[in-house]
Protein backbone atom coordinates (compact mmCIF):
# COMPACT_ATOMS: atom_id res chain seq x y z
CA MET A 1 0.00 0.00 0.00
CA THR A 2 1.31 3.46 -0.88
CA CYS A 3 1.66 6.15 1.71
CA MET A 4 -0.53 9.20 0.97
CA SER A 5 -0.77 12.48 2.74
CA PRO A 6 -4.14 13.20 4.38
CA SER A 7 -4.94 15.95 1.86
CA VAL A 8 -4.33 13.62 -1.11
CA ALA A 9 -6.44 10.86 0.47
CA LEU A 10 -9.23 13.32 1.22
CA ALA A 11 -9.13 14.69 -2.32
CA ARG A 12 -9.39 11.19 -3.80
CA LEU A 13 -12.23 10.35 -1.47
CA LEU A 14 -14.13 13.48 -2.58
CA GLY A 15 -13.27 12.95 -6.25
CA GLN A 16 -11.53 16.32 -6.55
CA HIS A 17 -8.10 17.33 -7.72
CA ARG A 18 -5.68 17.65 -4.82
CA SER A 19 -4.80 21.27 -5.63
CA THR A 20 -8.37 22.33 -4.80
CA GLN A 21 -7.77 21.41 -1.15
CA ARG A 22 -4.74 23.64 -0.69
CA LYS A 23 -5.68 27.23 -1.44
CA VAL A 24 -8.55 29.02 0.21
CA PRO A 25 -9.99 31.58 -2.22
CA ARG A 26 -10.15 35.05 -0.78
CA GLY A 27 -11.57 38.21 -2.24
CA ARG A 28 -11.07 41.88 -1.55
CA GLU A 29 -12.40 43.39 1.66
CA ASP A 30 -14.15 46.11 -0.33
CA GLU A 31 -15.46 43.84 -3.08
CA GLU A 32 -19.12 44.69 -2.38
CA ARG A 33 -18.42 48.41 -2.66
CA LEU A 34 -16.44 47.88 -5.88
CA THR A 35 -19.27 45.78 -7.31
CA ALA A 36 -21.86 48.42 -6.42
CA ASP A 37 -19.74 51.15 -8.04
CA MET A 38 -19.24 48.98 -11.10
CA ILE A 39 -22.96 48.32 -11.50
CA ALA A 40 -23.76 52.03 -11.10
CA LEU A 41 -21.23 52.96 -13.78
CA ALA A 42 -22.47 50.19 -16.08
CA ARG A 43 -26.00 51.58 -15.78
CA GLN A 44 -24.82 55.13 -16.39
CA TYR A 45 -22.56 54.26 -19.33
CA GLY A 46 -24.29 51.37 -21.02
CA ARG A 47 -21.87 51.02 -23.93
CA TYR A 48 -18.73 50.74 -21.80
CA GLY A 49 -17.17 47.38 -20.98
CA TYR A 50 -15.23 46.17 -17.99
CA ARG A 51 -11.92 47.70 -19.15
CA LYS A 52 -13.37 51.21 -19.37
CA ILE A 53 -15.15 50.74 -16.03
CA ALA A 54 -11.84 49.61 -14.48
CA GLU A 55 -10.20 52.74 -15.89
CA PHE A 56 -12.93 54.89 -14.28
CA ARG A 57 -12.34 53.14 -10.95
CA ARG A 58 -8.58 53.77 -11.17
CA ARG A 59 -9.19 57.44 -11.90
CA ALA A 60 -11.48 57.57 -8.86
CA GLY A 61 -8.63 56.36 -6.65
CA TRP A 62 -9.24 52.60 -6.54
CA GLN A 63 -6.20 50.37 -6.89
CA VAL A 64 -7.74 47.73 -9.08
CA ASN A 65 -6.57 45.69 -12.04
CA ASP A 66 -8.66 44.71 -15.08
CA LYS A 67 -8.80 41.02 -14.14
CA PRO A 68 -10.70 41.35 -10.84
CA VAL A 69 -13.08 43.79 -12.52
CA GLU A 70 -13.63 41.29 -15.33
CA ARG A 71 -14.28 38.51 -12.81
CA LEU A 72 -16.85 40.65 -10.98
CA TRP A 73 -18.33 41.76 -14.33
CA ARG A 74 -18.96 38.14 -15.30
CA ARG A 75 -20.19 37.21 -11.81
CA GLU A 76 -22.79 39.98 -11.97
CA ARG A 77 -23.66 38.93 -15.54
CA LEU A 78 -23.09 42.41 -16.92
CA LYS A 79 -22.87 42.73 -20.67
CA VAL A 80 -22.36 45.45 -23.20
CA PRO A 81 -25.40 45.53 -25.48
CA ALA A 82 -24.78 44.56 -29.09
CA LYS A 83 -24.18 47.47 -31.37
CA GLN A 84 -27.19 48.31 -33.50
CA PRO A 85 -26.52 48.30 -37.25
CA LYS A 86 -26.57 51.68 -38.91
CA ARG A 87 -29.68 52.30 -40.92
CA PRO A 88 -29.09 53.56 -44.45
CA SER A 89 -30.44 57.01 -45.16
CA LEU A 90 -33.44 57.56 -47.38
CA LYS A 91 -31.14 58.99 -50.02
CA THR A 92 -29.70 55.53 -50.52
CA TYR A 93 -33.11 54.17 -51.42
CA ARG A 94 -33.74 56.73 -54.12
CA ARG A 95 -36.29 55.27 -56.48
CA PRO A 96 -35.28 55.05 -60.15
CA PRO A 97 -37.39 57.27 -62.39
CA CYS A 98 -40.44 55.75 -63.92
CA LEU A 99 -39.97 54.46 -67.47
CA ALA A 100 -42.88 56.55 -68.72
CA GLN A 101 -41.31 59.71 -67.28
CA SER A 102 -38.02 59.01 -69.00
CA LEU A 103 -39.74 58.59 -72.36
CA ARG A 104 -41.48 61.95 -72.22
CA THR A 105 -39.88 64.93 -73.86
CA SER A 106 -39.61 68.37 -72.34
CA SER A 107 -42.45 69.59 -74.56
CA GLY A 108 -44.82 67.03 -73.07
CA GLY A 109 -44.90 64.59 -76.02
CA TRP A 110 -43.47 61.11 -76.30
CA ARG A 111 -40.01 60.37 -77.61
CA GLY A 112 -39.81 58.59 -80.86
CA THR A 113 -43.15 59.93 -82.08
CA SER A 114 -43.85 63.03 -84.03
CA ASN A 115 -45.76 65.68 -82.11
CA PRO A 116 -48.42 67.46 -84.19
């Protein structure tokens, strides 16, 4: 029988990788405040993504990197709305002239016929 450390044996028993038993995930102390600020900015500036929001937070005095902001952005399920396609102007849809109008002459008669 092989000798295993208690953490390895426990990990096998639980069916998890052994590295999951070693590190306790910890967040920022002010994560709730950062999240609330992020959500407020995302509502105010709807077209800005997490990088721009992180830049706003840094300008406001927060010491925060893009990665934690991205993690919180995904956790809160924030998204930048898809860009709407530009609508072509009405000038683009200019209707071709009617065939009958193009066959009229400036005097009011028809082209190709003799006017009495």
